[in-house]
Amino acid sequence: MYPLAHIGYTLFLVELVFIFTYIFQKLRNRDRVTIQWGIRYVSLYALLLGSLGPDIIDKAISLPITGNGRYVGHSLLFNVVISLSVLAIFWKNKRIWIGFIVGWQMHILLDLGGFIPWLFPFVNYEFPERVHTFWEMLQLPSVYLNEIFGSLCLILLIMLYLHRKIPVRNMLKEDFFKHPSYLKPIDKNGKNI
């Protein structure tokens, strides 16, 4: 899977979780429940880095060595180590560590259809060599359809953010502050209460 699919599906999943949370709270008859978009609670930078992280690491390390794009970054040991490290470093900023860990786990989940060296370095794997070039891969329906659907997810979410006047620009600027202003409760029109 390529970047647009990883980013689009991951961001869409985050928003889907918050939509289901909203529906669940409405069903429990809570009167003052408003839609809280997931992007308000998850760092977009961290989510993007996490959703592309295993491929960034593995494409840089393993392509020259094994000819395969899945290596250390897709293993369980590295997955646990990187998740705990980010959690320890950014403990006080939930938006960053939740975004990064959700992005990383979603990347691994989306790659389940292919070869993944789960127990590397404890098990010696026969890494299958990449037999297709980049352009040959883009001609495979499983690749280009995922990229199209990932792009559609991104476009849909951007349109929703713009329509609901979600302050994404402010969120990106204040992403690394401890108490950003956009985490204040909002009303139905998207205004801070």
Protein backbone atom coordinates (compact mmCIF):
# COMPACT_ATOMS: atom_id res chain seq x y z
CA MET A 1 0.00 0.00 0.00
CA TYR A 2 1.20 3.50 -0.79
CA PRO A 3 1.06 6.77 1.22
CA LEU A 4 -2.35 8.16 0.23
CA ALA A 5 -4.10 4.94 1.24
CA HIS A 6 -2.28 4.75 4.58
CA ILE A 7 -2.99 8.40 5.41
CA GLY A 8 -6.57 8.47 4.11
CA TYR A 9 -7.70 5.26 5.81
CA THR A 10 -6.02 6.17 9.09
CA LEU A 11 -7.56 9.63 9.30
CA PHE A 12 -10.93 8.23 8.25
CA LEU A 13 -10.73 5.59 11.02
CA VAL A 14 -10.00 8.24 13.64
CA GLU A 15 -13.03 10.26 12.57
CA LEU A 16 -15.19 7.13 12.39
CA VAL A 17 -14.33 6.26 16.00
CA PHE A 18 -15.41 9.72 17.14
CA ILE A 19 -18.64 9.54 15.12
CA PHE A 20 -19.50 6.23 16.80
CA THR A 21 -18.64 7.76 20.18
CA TYR A 22 -21.03 10.63 19.43
CA ILE A 23 -23.82 8.22 18.40
CA PHE A 24 -23.28 6.10 21.50
CA GLN A 25 -23.47 9.16 23.77
CA LYS A 26 -26.62 10.36 22.00
CA LEU A 27 -28.23 6.95 22.50
CA ARG A 28 -27.49 7.20 26.21
CA ASN A 29 -29.72 10.32 26.22
CA ARG A 30 -27.08 12.89 26.95
CA ASP A 31 -28.58 16.25 26.10
CA ARG A 32 -25.47 18.41 25.72
CA VAL A 33 -23.52 16.13 23.42
CA THR A 34 -21.99 17.77 20.35
CA ILE A 35 -19.95 16.27 17.54
CA GLN A 36 -16.31 16.24 18.51
CA TRP A 37 -14.12 15.67 15.48
CA GLY A 38 -11.21 13.28 15.99
CA ILE A 39 -8.76 15.76 14.51
CA ARG A 40 -9.36 17.91 17.59
CA TYR A 41 -7.92 15.19 19.84
CA VAL A 42 -5.22 13.62 17.69
CA SER A 43 -2.15 15.42 16.40
CA LEU A 44 -2.27 15.49 12.61
CA TYR A 45 1.54 15.59 12.37
CA ALA A 46 1.92 12.59 14.66
CA LEU A 47 -0.86 10.70 12.88
CA LEU A 48 0.80 11.28 9.50
CA LEU A 49 4.23 10.31 10.79
CA GLY A 50 2.86 7.21 12.49
CA SER A 51 0.84 6.11 9.47
CA LEU A 52 3.91 6.36 7.23
CA GLY A 53 6.57 5.45 9.82
CA PRO A 54 7.05 1.73 9.15
CA ASP A 55 7.50 2.36 5.42
CA ILE A 56 9.84 5.33 5.99
CA ILE A 57 12.09 3.14 8.13
CA ASP A 58 11.85 -0.03 6.08
CA LYS A 59 12.18 1.50 2.64
CA ALA A 60 15.35 3.30 3.75
CA ILE A 61 16.87 0.27 5.50
CA SER A 62 15.65 -2.87 3.80
CA LEU A 63 15.26 -2.08 0.11
CA PRO A 64 19.04 -1.96 -0.43
CA ILE A 65 19.60 -5.02 1.82
CA THR A 66 16.72 -7.41 1.11
CA GLY A 67 14.94 -5.90 -1.86
CA ASN A 68 11.73 -5.94 0.18
CA GLY A 69 9.98 -2.96 1.74
CA ARG A 70 8.99 -4.70 4.97
CA TYR A 71 11.69 -5.33 7.51
CA VAL A 72 12.41 -3.93 10.99
CA GLY A 73 9.64 -1.30 11.08
CA HIS A 74 6.93 -3.91 10.52
CA SER A 75 8.09 -6.30 13.29
CA LEU A 76 6.32 -6.69 16.62
CA LEU A 77 9.43 -5.91 18.67
CA PHE A 78 10.06 -2.61 16.90
CA ASN A 79 6.34 -1.83 17.05
CA VAL A 80 6.33 -2.17 20.84
CA VAL A 81 9.65 -0.32 21.29
CA ILE A 82 8.65 2.67 19.13
CA SER A 83 5.18 2.89 20.71
CA LEU A 84 6.56 2.83 24.27
CA SER A 85 9.29 5.33 23.37
CA VAL A 86 6.83 7.83 21.91
CA LEU A 87 4.52 7.32 24.89
CA ALA A 88 7.39 7.99 27.31
CA ILE A 89 8.69 11.06 25.46
CA PHE A 90 5.31 12.72 24.84
CA TRP A 91 3.48 11.51 27.96
CA LYS A 92 2.11 14.96 28.78
CA ASN A 93 0.83 15.63 25.27
CA LYS A 94 -1.84 13.00 24.59
CA ARG A 95 -2.56 14.33 21.12
CA ILE A 96 0.94 13.44 19.95
CA TRP A 97 1.38 9.99 21.44
CA ILE A 98 -2.17 8.86 20.66
CA GLY A 99 -1.86 10.14 17.08
CA PHE A 100 1.49 8.47 16.51
CA ILE A 101 0.54 5.13 18.03
CA VAL A 102 -2.84 4.99 16.24
CA GLY A 103 -1.12 5.85 12.95
CA TRP A 104 1.58 3.21 13.42
CA GLN A 105 -0.88 0.47 14.41
CA MET A 106 -3.20 1.35 11.55
CA HIS A 107 -0.28 1.10 9.11
CA ILE A 108 0.53 -2.41 10.32
CA LEU A 109 -3.15 -3.37 10.16
CA LEU A 110 -3.44 -2.12 6.58
CA ASP A 111 -0.36 -4.14 5.56
CA LEU A 112 -1.76 -7.44 6.83
CA GLY A 113 -2.49 -8.65 3.29
CA GLY A 114 1.17 -9.13 2.46
CA PHE A 115 4.39 -10.47 3.94
CA ILE A 116 5.20 -9.09 7.40
CA PRO A 117 8.24 -10.27 9.41
CA TRP A 118 6.37 -10.33 12.75
CA LEU A 119 9.08 -11.97 14.85
CA PHE A 120 12.13 -10.37 13.27
CA PRO A 121 15.02 -10.51 14.52
CA PHE A 122 14.19 -13.68 16.50
CA VAL A 123 13.18 -15.66 13.42
CA ASN A 124 15.19 -15.86 10.21
CA TYR A 125 12.89 -14.88 7.38
CA GLU A 126 13.22 -15.50 3.67
CA PHE A 127 12.44 -12.01 2.44
CA PRO A 128 10.64 -12.17 -0.90
CA GLU A 129 12.28 -9.90 -3.41
CA ARG A 130 10.17 -7.19 -4.95
CA VAL A 131 9.42 -8.42 -8.46
CA HIS A 132 7.50 -5.35 -9.61
CA THR A 133 8.77 -1.87 -10.28
CA PHE A 134 6.91 1.14 -8.91
CA TRP A 135 5.02 1.64 -12.18
CA GLU A 136 4.13 -2.05 -12.41
CA MET A 137 2.77 -1.92 -8.86
CA LEU A 138 0.59 1.09 -9.72
CA GLN A 139 -1.01 -0.99 -12.48
CA LEU A 140 -2.22 -3.61 -9.99
CA PRO A 141 -5.89 -3.07 -9.04
CA SER A 142 -5.24 -3.71 -5.34
CA VAL A 143 -2.71 -0.88 -5.31
CA TYR A 144 -4.39 1.79 -7.40
CA LEU A 145 -7.87 1.14 -5.96
CA ASN A 146 -6.52 1.57 -2.42
CA GLU A 147 -4.81 4.80 -3.45
CA ILE A 148 -8.03 6.08 -5.03
CA PHE A 149 -10.13 5.22 -1.96
CA GLY A 150 -7.50 6.69 0.37
CA SER A 151 -7.51 9.90 -1.68
CA LEU A 152 -11.31 10.00 -1.59
CA CYS A 153 -11.24 9.63 2.21
CA LEU A 154 -8.81 12.57 2.45
CA ILE A 155 -10.90 14.75 0.13
CA LEU A 156 -14.10 13.90 2.00
CA LEU A 157 -12.55 14.74 5.37
CA ILE A 158 -11.03 18.00 4.14
CA MET A 159 -14.43 19.02 2.76
CA LEU A 160 -16.09 18.14 6.08
CA TYR A 161 -13.48 20.10 8.04
CA LEU A 162 -13.98 23.13 5.80
CA HIS A 163 -17.77 22.84 5.98
CA ARG A 164 -17.82 22.53 9.78
CA LYS A 165 -15.19 25.29 10.09
CA ILE A 166 -12.82 23.08 12.09
CA PRO A 167 -9.77 25.26 12.96
CA VAL A 168 -7.23 22.90 11.36
CA ARG A 169 -4.77 25.74 10.66
CA ASN A 170 -4.73 26.70 14.35
CA MET A 171 -4.39 23.06 15.34
CA LEU A 172 -1.34 22.64 13.14
CA LYS A 173 0.30 25.77 14.57
CA GLU A 174 -0.40 24.87 18.19
CA ASP A 175 0.14 21.13 17.83
CA PHE A 176 3.03 20.90 20.27
CA PHE A 177 1.63 23.10 23.06
CA LYS A 178 0.36 21.47 26.26
CA HIS A 179 -3.03 23.19 26.43
CA PRO A 180 -4.09 24.26 22.96
CA SER A 181 -7.09 26.56 22.66
CA TYR A 182 -8.97 24.30 20.26
CA LEU A 183 -9.55 21.62 22.92
CA LYS A 184 -12.19 23.77 24.58
CA PRO A 185 -15.75 22.45 24.17
CA ILE A 186 -17.60 23.56 21.04
CA ASP A 187 -21.27 24.09 20.26
CA LYS A 188 -23.22 22.79 17.25
CA ASN A 189 -21.84 25.51 14.98
CA GLY A 190 -18.23 24.66 15.77
CA LYS A 191 -17.68 27.73 18.00
CA ASN A 192 -15.81 27.44 21.31
CA ILE A 193 -18.10 27.63 24.34
